[in-house]
Amino acid sequence: MRFRQSASNDGPVLETVSFFVQLSPRGFQVFITADRKLQYQQNIPAIGIAVVVLSGVHNKIENLRPLLPKVLDALSSIQRGTVIEIAG
């Protein structure tokens, strides 16, 4: 993974494309995130992993925990290169 300094000098920022390119060859099949913009910022089919996007009222674990049964269901059927959004 590569990091670069953010424009606002808030600290290092992960270069997302580099991050995703490294996931698939290492055996990762699914990436779970609360970043709702990710599917519009990255070419998920080209990266070759599946993405599960969690959409809670807030991105706090207390709000996302109730979504876990739906995540487990999604994991049984999601295909590489696709995005599933799970809302709570």
PDB file of N, CA and C in Angstrom:
ATOM      1  N   MET A   1       0.833  -1.172   0.000  1.00  0.00           N
ATOM      2  CA  MET A   1       0.000   0.000   0.000  1.00  0.00           C
ATOM      3  C   MET A   1       0.879   1.236   0.000  1.00  0.00           C
ATOM      4  N   ARG A   2       0.369   2.255  -0.641  1.00  0.00           N
ATOM      5  CA  ARG A   2       1.101   3.516  -0.672  1.00  0.00           C
ATOM      6  C   ARG A   2       0.289   4.587   0.025  1.00  0.00           C
ATOM      7  N   PHE A   3       0.975   5.488   0.668  1.00  0.00           N
ATOM      8  CA  PHE A   3       0.339   6.613   1.325  1.00  0.00           C
ATOM      9  C   PHE A   3       0.889   7.892   0.722  1.00  0.00           C
ATOM     10  N   ARG A   4       0.098   8.919   0.761  1.00  0.00           N
ATOM     11  CA  ARG A   4       0.562  10.232   0.323  1.00  0.00           C
ATOM     12  C   ARG A   4       0.063  11.250   1.324  1.00  0.00           C
ATOM     13  N   GLN A   5       0.682  12.390   1.344  1.00  0.00           N
ATOM     14  CA  GLN A   5       0.253  13.465   2.247  1.00  0.00           C
ATOM     15  C   GLN A   5      -1.014  14.095   1.692  1.00  0.00           C
ATOM     16  N   SER A   6      -1.999  14.306   2.534  1.00  0.00           N
ATOM     17  CA  SER A   6      -3.237  14.922   2.072  1.00  0.00           C
ATOM     18  C   SER A   6      -3.010  16.394   1.762  1.00  0.00           C
ATOM     19  N   ALA A   7      -3.849  16.946   0.921  1.00  0.00           N
ATOM     20  CA  ALA A   7      -3.727  18.352   0.533  1.00  0.00           C
ATOM     21  C   ALA A   7      -3.884  19.277   1.731  1.00  0.00           C
ATOM     22  N   SER A   8      -4.666  18.856   2.715  1.00  0.00           N
ATOM     23  CA  SER A   8      -4.886  19.703   3.887  1.00  0.00           C
ATOM     24  C   SER A   8      -3.869  19.434   4.990  1.00  0.00           C
ATOM     25  N   ASN A   9      -2.893  18.572   4.715  1.00  0.00           N
ATOM     26  CA  ASN A   9      -1.856  18.222   5.683  1.00  0.00           C
ATOM     27  C   ASN A   9      -2.412  17.613   6.963  1.00  0.00           C
ATOM     28  N   ASP A  10      -3.540  16.903   6.842  1.00  0.00           N
ATOM     29  CA  ASP A  10      -4.125  16.232   7.997  1.00  0.00           C
ATOM     30  C   ASP A  10      -3.429  14.917   8.315  1.00  0.00           C
ATOM     31  N   GLY A  11      -2.527  14.495   7.469  1.00  0.00           N
ATOM     32  CA  GLY A  11      -1.831  13.235   7.680  1.00  0.00           C
ATOM     33  C   GLY A  11      -1.866  12.402   6.423  1.00  0.00           C
ATOM     34  N   PRO A  12      -1.342  11.184   6.499  1.00  0.00           N
ATOM     35  CA  PRO A  12      -1.273  10.341   5.309  1.00  0.00           C
ATOM     36  C   PRO A  12      -2.655   9.871   4.868  1.00  0.00           C
ATOM     37  N   VAL A  13      -2.826   9.751   3.569  1.00  0.00           N
ATOM     38  CA  VAL A  13      -4.076   9.282   2.983  1.00  0.00           C
ATOM     39  C   VAL A  13      -3.759   8.051   2.159  1.00  0.00           C
ATOM     40  N   LEU A  14      -4.513   6.999   2.356  1.00  0.00           N
ATOM     41  CA  LEU A  14      -4.312   5.782   1.589  1.00  0.00           C
ATOM     42  C   LEU A  14      -4.718   6.002   0.149  1.00  0.00           C
ATOM     43  N   GLU A  15      -3.860   5.637  -0.774  1.00  0.00           N
ATOM     44  CA  GLU A  15      -4.225   5.705  -2.183  1.00  0.00           C
ATOM     45  C   GLU A  15      -5.138   4.525  -2.464  1.00  0.00           C
ATOM     46  N   THR A  16      -6.423   4.800  -2.561  1.00  0.00           N
ATOM     47  CA  THR A  16      -7.447   3.777  -2.611  1.00  0.00           C
ATOM     48  C   THR A  16      -7.245   2.784  -3.747  1.00  0.00           C
ATOM     49  N   VAL A  17      -6.900   3.254  -4.919  1.00  0.00           N
ATOM     50  CA  VAL A  17      -6.745   2.347  -6.043  1.00  0.00           C
ATOM     51  C   VAL A  17      -5.659   1.325  -5.737  1.00  0.00           C
ATOM     52  N   SER A  18      -4.539   1.771  -5.222  1.00  0.00           N
ATOM     53  CA  SER A  18      -3.457   0.862  -4.868  1.00  0.00           C
ATOM     54  C   SER A  18      -3.936  -0.165  -3.849  1.00  0.00           C
ATOM     55  N   PHE A  19      -4.714   0.262  -2.902  1.00  0.00           N
ATOM     56  CA  PHE A  19      -5.252  -0.615  -1.870  1.00  0.00           C
ATOM     57  C   PHE A  19      -6.095  -1.719  -2.487  1.00  0.00           C
ATOM     58  N   PHE A  20      -7.019  -1.372  -3.351  1.00  0.00           N
ATOM     59  CA  PHE A  20      -7.908  -2.360  -3.947  1.00  0.00           C
ATOM     60  C   PHE A  20      -7.191  -3.288  -4.913  1.00  0.00           C
ATOM     61  N   VAL A  21      -6.253  -2.775  -5.645  1.00  0.00           N
ATOM     62  CA  VAL A  21      -5.505  -3.606  -6.587  1.00  0.00           C
ATOM     63  C   VAL A  21      -4.768  -4.716  -5.843  1.00  0.00           C
ATOM     64  N   GLN A  22      -4.380  -4.462  -4.618  1.00  0.00           N
ATOM     65  CA  GLN A  22      -3.654  -5.459  -3.839  1.00  0.00           C
ATOM     66  C   GLN A  22      -4.560  -6.474  -3.162  1.00  0.00           C
ATOM     67  N   LEU A  23      -5.848  -6.200  -3.031  1.00  0.00           N
ATOM     68  CA  LEU A  23      -6.740  -7.109  -2.317  1.00  0.00           C
ATOM     69  C   LEU A  23      -6.978  -8.423  -3.052  1.00  0.00           C
ATOM     70  N   SER A  24      -7.362  -8.356  -4.303  1.00  0.00           N
ATOM     71  CA  SER A  24      -7.747  -9.544  -5.047  1.00  0.00           C
ATOM     72  C   SER A  24      -6.631 -10.589  -5.150  1.00  0.00           C
ATOM     73  N   PRO A  25      -5.416 -10.202  -5.532  1.00  0.00           N
ATOM     74  CA  PRO A  25      -4.359 -11.216  -5.620  1.00  0.00           C
ATOM     75  C   PRO A  25      -4.018 -11.861  -4.276  1.00  0.00           C
ATOM     76  N   ARG A  26      -4.352 -11.209  -3.199  1.00  0.00           N
ATOM     77  CA  ARG A  26      -4.057 -11.749  -1.868  1.00  0.00           C
ATOM     78  C   ARG A  26      -5.181 -12.632  -1.345  1.00  0.00           C
ATOM     79  N   GLY A  27      -6.182 -12.885  -2.173  1.00  0.00           N
ATOM     80  CA  GLY A  27      -7.248 -13.800  -1.792  1.00  0.00           C
ATOM     81  C   GLY A  27      -8.495 -13.147  -1.231  1.00  0.00           C
ATOM     82  N   PHE A  28      -8.521 -11.829  -1.121  1.00  0.00           N
ATOM     83  CA  PHE A  28      -9.725 -11.168  -0.631  1.00  0.00           C
ATOM     84  C   PHE A  28     -10.804 -11.241  -1.700  1.00  0.00           C
ATOM     85  N   GLN A  29     -11.997 -11.609  -1.309  1.00  0.00           N
ATOM     86  CA  GLN A  29     -13.104 -11.703  -2.246  1.00  0.00           C
ATOM     87  C   GLN A  29     -14.145 -10.622  -2.014  1.00  0.00           C
ATOM     88  N   VAL A  30     -14.257 -10.142  -0.767  1.00  0.00           N
ATOM     89  CA  VAL A  30     -15.288  -9.165  -0.413  1.00  0.00           C
ATOM     90  C   VAL A  30     -14.660  -8.074   0.461  1.00  0.00           C
ATOM     91  N   PHE A  31     -15.056  -6.831   0.180  1.00  0.00           N
ATOM     92  CA  PHE A  31     -14.644  -5.694   0.993  1.00  0.00           C
ATOM     93  C   PHE A  31     -15.908  -5.104   1.595  1.00  0.00           C
ATOM     94  N   ILE A  32     -15.968  -4.972   2.921  1.00  0.00           N
ATOM     95  CA  ILE A  32     -17.128  -4.416   3.612  1.00  0.00           C
ATOM     96  C   ILE A  32     -16.762  -3.024   4.087  1.00  0.00           C
ATOM     97  N   THR A  33     -17.622  -2.057   3.760  1.00  0.00           N
ATOM     98  CA  THR A  33     -17.318  -0.663   4.070  1.00  0.00           C
ATOM     99  C   THR A  33     -18.596   0.099   4.408  1.00  0.00           C
ATOM    100  N   ALA A  34     -18.436   1.245   5.035  1.00  0.00           N
ATOM    101  CA  ALA A  34     -19.540   2.168   5.265  1.00  0.00           C
ATOM    102  C   ALA A  34     -19.417   3.378   4.345  1.00  0.00           C
ATOM    103  N   ASP A  35     -18.464   3.333   3.430  1.00  0.00           N
ATOM    104  CA  ASP A  35     -18.240   4.429   2.480  1.00  0.00           C
ATOM    105  C   ASP A  35     -19.224   4.310   1.318  1.00  0.00           C
ATOM    106  N   ARG A  36     -20.286   5.088   1.370  1.00  0.00           N
ATOM    107  CA  ARG A  36     -21.339   5.007   0.350  1.00  0.00           C
ATOM    108  C   ARG A  36     -20.910   5.553  -1.006  1.00  0.00           C
ATOM    109  N   LYS A  37     -19.844   6.312  -1.046  1.00  0.00           N
ATOM    110  CA  LYS A  37     -19.379   6.887  -2.307  1.00  0.00           C
ATOM    111  C   LYS A  37     -18.398   5.975  -3.041  1.00  0.00           C
ATOM    112  N   LEU A  38     -17.914   4.961  -2.384  1.00  0.00           N
ATOM    113  CA  LEU A  38     -16.879   4.105  -2.946  1.00  0.00           C
ATOM    114  C   LEU A  38     -17.262   3.529  -4.303  1.00  0.00           C
ATOM    115  N   GLN A  39     -18.480   3.061  -4.434  1.00  0.00           N
ATOM    116  CA  GLN A  39     -18.910   2.438  -5.687  1.00  0.00           C
ATOM    117  C   GLN A  39     -18.936   3.414  -6.855  1.00  0.00           C
ATOM    118  N   TYR A  40     -18.971   4.696  -6.568  1.00  0.00           N
ATOM    119  CA  TYR A  40     -18.959   5.707  -7.625  1.00  0.00           C
ATOM    120  C   TYR A  40     -17.547   6.236  -7.892  1.00  0.00           C
ATOM    121  N   GLN A  41     -16.640   5.980  -6.961  1.00  0.00           N
ATOM    122  CA  GLN A  41     -15.268   6.473  -7.085  1.00  0.00           C
ATOM    123  C   GLN A  41     -14.317   5.423  -7.641  1.00  0.00           C
ATOM    124  N   GLN A  42     -14.693   4.161  -7.574  1.00  0.00           N
ATOM    125  CA  GLN A  42     -13.820   3.073  -8.015  1.00  0.00           C
ATOM    126  C   GLN A  42     -14.534   2.217  -9.059  1.00  0.00           C
ATOM    127  N   ASN A  43     -13.773   1.622  -9.940  1.00  0.00           N
ATOM    128  CA  ASN A  43     -14.307   0.709 -10.944  1.00  0.00           C
ATOM    129  C   ASN A  43     -14.295  -0.694 -10.337  1.00  0.00           C
ATOM    130  N   ILE A  44     -15.327  -1.004  -9.585  1.00  0.00           N
ATOM    131  CA  ILE A  44     -15.389  -2.257  -8.827  1.00  0.00           C
ATOM    132  C   ILE A  44     -15.279  -3.492  -9.737  1.00  0.00           C
ATOM    133  N   PRO A  45     -15.981  -3.550 -10.869  1.00  0.00           N
ATOM    134  CA  PRO A  45     -15.829  -4.736 -11.729  1.00  0.00           C
ATOM    135  C   PRO A  45     -14.389  -4.968 -12.188  1.00  0.00           C
ATOM    136  N   ALA A  46     -13.674  -3.906 -12.462  1.00  0.00           N
ATOM    137  CA  ALA A  46     -12.292  -4.042 -12.921  1.00  0.00           C
ATOM    138  C   ALA A  46     -11.361  -4.503 -11.802  1.00  0.00           C
ATOM    139  N   ILE A  47     -11.696  -4.160 -10.571  1.00  0.00           N
ATOM    140  CA  ILE A  47     -10.856  -4.530  -9.436  1.00  0.00           C
ATOM    141  C   ILE A  47     -10.997  -6.020  -9.127  1.00  0.00           C
ATOM    142  N   GLY A  48     -12.191  -6.560  -9.341  1.00  0.00           N
ATOM    143  CA  GLY A  48     -12.385  -7.995  -9.189  1.00  0.00           C
ATOM    144  C   GLY A  48     -12.723  -8.484  -7.798  1.00  0.00           C
ATOM    145  N   ILE A  49     -13.191  -7.591  -6.934  1.00  0.00           N
ATOM    146  CA  ILE A  49     -13.681  -8.030  -5.631  1.00  0.00           C
ATOM    147  C   ILE A  49     -15.123  -7.562  -5.496  1.00  0.00           C
ATOM    148  N   ALA A  50     -15.854  -8.171  -4.593  1.00  0.00           N
ATOM    149  CA  ALA A  50     -17.208  -7.740  -4.294  1.00  0.00           C
ATOM    150  C   ALA A  50     -17.155  -6.715  -3.176  1.00  0.00           C
ATOM    151  N   VAL A  51     -18.141  -5.825  -3.143  1.00  0.00           N
ATOM    152  CA  VAL A  51     -18.188  -4.793  -2.111  1.00  0.00           C
ATOM    153  C   VAL A  51     -19.562  -4.806  -1.455  1.00  0.00           C
ATOM    154  N   VAL A  52     -19.570  -4.809  -0.139  1.00  0.00           N
ATOM    155  CA  VAL A  52     -20.795  -4.660   0.645  1.00  0.00           C
ATOM    156  C   VAL A  52     -20.717  -3.305   1.312  1.00  0.00           C
ATOM    157  N   VAL A  53     -21.694  -2.444   1.020  1.00  0.00           N
ATOM    158  CA  VAL A  53     -21.733  -1.100   1.584  1.00  0.00           C
ATOM    159  C   VAL A  53     -22.796  -1.070   2.680  1.00  0.00           C
ATOM    160  N   LEU A  54     -22.402  -0.699   3.889  1.00  0.00           N
ATOM    161  CA  LEU A  54     -23.334  -0.596   5.014  1.00  0.00           C
ATOM    162  C   LEU A  54     -23.818   0.838   5.127  1.00  0.00           C
ATOM    163  N   SER A  55     -25.124   1.009   5.123  1.00  0.00           N
ATOM    164  CA  SER A  55     -25.721   2.342   5.206  1.00  0.00           C
ATOM    165  C   SER A  55     -26.594   2.430   6.442  1.00  0.00           C
ATOM    166  N   GLY A  56     -25.996   2.842   7.527  1.00  0.00           N
ATOM    167  CA  GLY A  56     -26.753   3.065   8.745  1.00  0.00           C
ATOM    168  C   GLY A  56     -27.080   4.541   8.869  1.00  0.00           C
ATOM    169  N   VAL A  57     -27.848   4.889   9.890  1.00  0.00           N
ATOM    170  CA  VAL A  57     -28.149   6.289  10.140  1.00  0.00           C
ATOM    171  C   VAL A  57     -26.847   7.036  10.398  1.00  0.00           C
ATOM    172  N   HIS A  58     -25.985   6.417  11.191  1.00  0.00           N
ATOM    173  CA  HIS A  58     -24.643   6.927  11.472  1.00  0.00           C
ATOM    174  C   HIS A  58     -23.688   5.758  11.306  1.00  0.00           C
ATOM    175  N   ASN A  59     -22.428   6.041  11.126  1.00  0.00           N
ATOM    176  CA  ASN A  59     -21.444   4.977  10.938  1.00  0.00           C
ATOM    177  C   ASN A  59     -20.833   4.522  12.255  1.00  0.00           C
ATOM    178  N   LYS A  60     -21.632   4.489  13.279  1.00  0.00           N
ATOM    179  CA  LYS A  60     -21.179   3.987  14.572  1.00  0.00           C
ATOM    180  C   LYS A  60     -21.546   2.511  14.660  1.00  0.00           C
ATOM    181  N   ILE A  61     -20.730   1.749  15.358  1.00  0.00           N
ATOM    182  CA  ILE A  61     -20.936   0.306  15.439  1.00  0.00           C
ATOM    183  C   ILE A  61     -22.320  -0.046  15.986  1.00  0.00           C
ATOM    184  N   GLU A  62     -22.838   0.776  16.890  1.00  0.00           N
ATOM    185  CA  GLU A  62     -24.162   0.506  17.455  1.00  0.00           C
ATOM    186  C   GLU A  62     -25.244   0.541  16.366  1.00  0.00           C
ATOM    187  N   ASN A  63     -25.050   1.398  15.369  1.00  0.00           N
ATOM    188  CA  ASN A  63     -26.023   1.511  14.286  1.00  0.00           C
ATOM    189  C   ASN A  63     -25.804   0.470  13.195  1.00  0.00           C
ATOM    190  N   LEU A  64     -24.569   0.023  13.048  1.00  0.00           N
ATOM    191  CA  LEU A  64     -24.250  -0.937  11.987  1.00  0.00           C
ATOM    192  C   LEU A  64     -24.417  -2.388  12.428  1.00  0.00           C
ATOM    193  N   ARG A  65     -24.280  -2.655  13.714  1.00  0.00           N
ATOM    194  CA  ARG A  65     -24.384  -4.031  14.228  1.00  0.00           C
ATOM    195  C   ARG A  65     -25.699  -4.715  13.823  1.00  0.00           C
ATOM    196  N   PRO A  66     -26.847  -4.048  13.856  1.00  0.00           N
ATOM    197  CA  PRO A  66     -28.095  -4.718  13.444  1.00  0.00           C
ATOM    198  C   PRO A  66     -28.103  -5.150  11.968  1.00  0.00           C
ATOM    199  N   LEU A  67     -27.185  -4.615  11.170  1.00  0.00           N
ATOM    200  CA  LEU A  67     -27.133  -4.983   9.752  1.00  0.00           C
ATOM    201  C   LEU A  67     -26.390  -6.296   9.521  1.00  0.00           C
ATOM    202  N   LEU A  68     -25.714  -6.814  10.522  1.00  0.00           N
ATOM    203  CA  LEU A  68     -24.873  -7.994  10.342  1.00  0.00           C
ATOM    204  C   LEU A  68     -25.613  -9.231   9.811  1.00  0.00           C
ATOM    205  N   PRO A  69     -26.837  -9.534  10.257  1.00  0.00           N
ATOM    206  CA  PRO A  69     -27.532 -10.681   9.655  1.00  0.00           C
ATOM    207  C   PRO A  69     -27.729 -10.521   8.138  1.00  0.00           C
ATOM    208  N   LYS A  70     -28.001  -9.300   7.690  1.00  0.00           N
ATOM    209  CA  LYS A  70     -28.145  -9.054   6.257  1.00  0.00           C
ATOM    210  C   LYS A  70     -26.802  -9.189   5.541  1.00  0.00           C
ATOM    211  N   VAL A  71     -25.720  -8.786   6.217  1.00  0.00           N
ATOM    212  CA  VAL A  71     -24.383  -8.933   5.642  1.00  0.00           C
ATOM    213  C   VAL A  71     -24.074 -10.409   5.437  1.00  0.00           C
ATOM    214  N   LEU A  72     -24.365 -11.228   6.434  1.00  0.00           N
ATOM    215  CA  LEU A  72     -24.108 -12.662   6.311  1.00  0.00           C
ATOM    216  C   LEU A  72     -24.902 -13.277   5.161  1.00  0.00           C
ATOM    217  N   ASP A  73     -26.139 -12.847   4.989  1.00  0.00           N
ATOM    218  CA  ASP A  73     -26.943 -13.326   3.851  1.00  0.00           C
ATOM    219  C   ASP A  73     -26.311 -12.894   2.534  1.00  0.00           C
ATOM    220  N   ALA A  74     -25.869 -11.653   2.461  1.00  0.00           N
ATOM    221  CA  ALA A  74     -25.261 -11.128   1.232  1.00  0.00           C
ATOM    222  C   ALA A  74     -23.979 -11.878   0.886  1.00  0.00           C
ATOM    223  N   LEU A  75     -23.208 -12.252   1.891  1.00  0.00           N
ATOM    224  CA  LEU A  75     -21.940 -12.935   1.646  1.00  0.00           C
ATOM    225  C   LEU A  75     -22.130 -14.283   0.966  1.00  0.00           C
ATOM    226  N   SER A  76     -23.293 -14.886   1.155  1.00  0.00           N
ATOM    227  CA  SER A  76     -23.525 -16.203   0.546  1.00  0.00           C
ATOM    228  C   SER A  76     -23.841 -16.110  -0.941  1.00  0.00           C
ATOM    229  N   SER A  77     -24.174 -14.908  -1.423  1.00  0.00           N
ATOM    230  CA  SER A  77     -24.593 -14.820  -2.825  1.00  0.00           C
ATOM    231  C   SER A  77     -23.870 -13.755  -3.653  1.00  0.00           C
ATOM    232  N   ILE A  78     -23.125 -12.881  -3.033  1.00  0.00           N
ATOM    233  CA  ILE A  78     -22.501 -11.782  -3.773  1.00  0.00           C
ATOM    234  C   ILE A  78     -21.434 -12.321  -4.727  1.00  0.00           C
ATOM    235  N   GLN A  79     -21.330 -11.695  -5.880  1.00  0.00           N
ATOM    236  CA  GLN A  79     -20.366 -12.095  -6.895  1.00  0.00           C
ATOM    237  C   GLN A  79     -19.254 -11.044  -7.000  1.00  0.00           C
ATOM    238  N   ARG A  80     -18.060 -11.490  -7.388  1.00  0.00           N
ATOM    239  CA  ARG A  80     -16.953 -10.558  -7.602  1.00  0.00           C
ATOM    240  C   ARG A  80     -17.353  -9.495  -8.605  1.00  0.00           C
ATOM    241  N   GLY A  81     -16.927  -8.281  -8.356  1.00  0.00           N
ATOM    242  CA  GLY A  81     -17.212  -7.175  -9.264  1.00  0.00           C
ATOM    243  C   GLY A  81     -18.563  -6.517  -9.066  1.00  0.00           C
ATOM    244  N   THR A  82     -19.295  -6.946  -8.034  1.00  0.00           N
ATOM    245  CA  THR A  82     -20.608  -6.366  -7.777  1.00  0.00           C
ATOM    246  C   THR A  82     -20.607  -5.627  -6.441  1.00  0.00           C
ATOM    247  N   VAL A  83     -21.618  -4.778  -6.262  1.00  0.00           N
ATOM    248  CA  VAL A  83     -21.772  -4.003  -5.049  1.00  0.00           C
ATOM    249  C   VAL A  83     -23.179  -4.264  -4.504  1.00  0.00           C
ATOM    250  N   ILE A  84     -23.255  -4.549  -3.231  1.00  0.00           N
ATOM    251  CA  ILE A  84     -24.553  -4.683  -2.541  1.00  0.00           C
ATOM    252  C   ILE A  84     -24.579  -3.634  -1.449  1.00  0.00           C
ATOM    253  N   GLU A  85     -25.653  -2.850  -1.410  1.00  0.00           N
ATOM    254  CA  GLU A  85     -25.813  -1.872  -0.331  1.00  0.00           C
ATOM    255  C   GLU A  85     -26.845  -2.400   0.646  1.00  0.00           C
ATOM    256  N   ILE A  86     -26.492  -2.384   1.915  1.00  0.00           N
ATOM    257  CA  ILE A  86     -27.377  -2.848   2.973  1.00  0.00           C
ATOM    258  C   ILE A  86     -27.702  -1.655   3.853  1.00  0.00           C
ATOM    259  N   ALA A  87     -28.987  -1.319   3.881  1.00  0.00           N
ATOM    260  CA  ALA A  87     -29.442  -0.144   4.630  1.00  0.00           C
ATOM    261  C   ALA A  87     -30.114  -0.582   5.928  1.00  0.00           C
ATOM    262  N   GLY A  88     -30.017   0.300   6.921  1.00  0.00           N
ATOM    263  CA  GLY A  88     -30.637  -0.006   8.201  1.00  0.00           C
ATOM    264  C   GLY A  88     -31.629   1.041   8.598  1.00  0.00           C
TER     265      GLY A  88
END
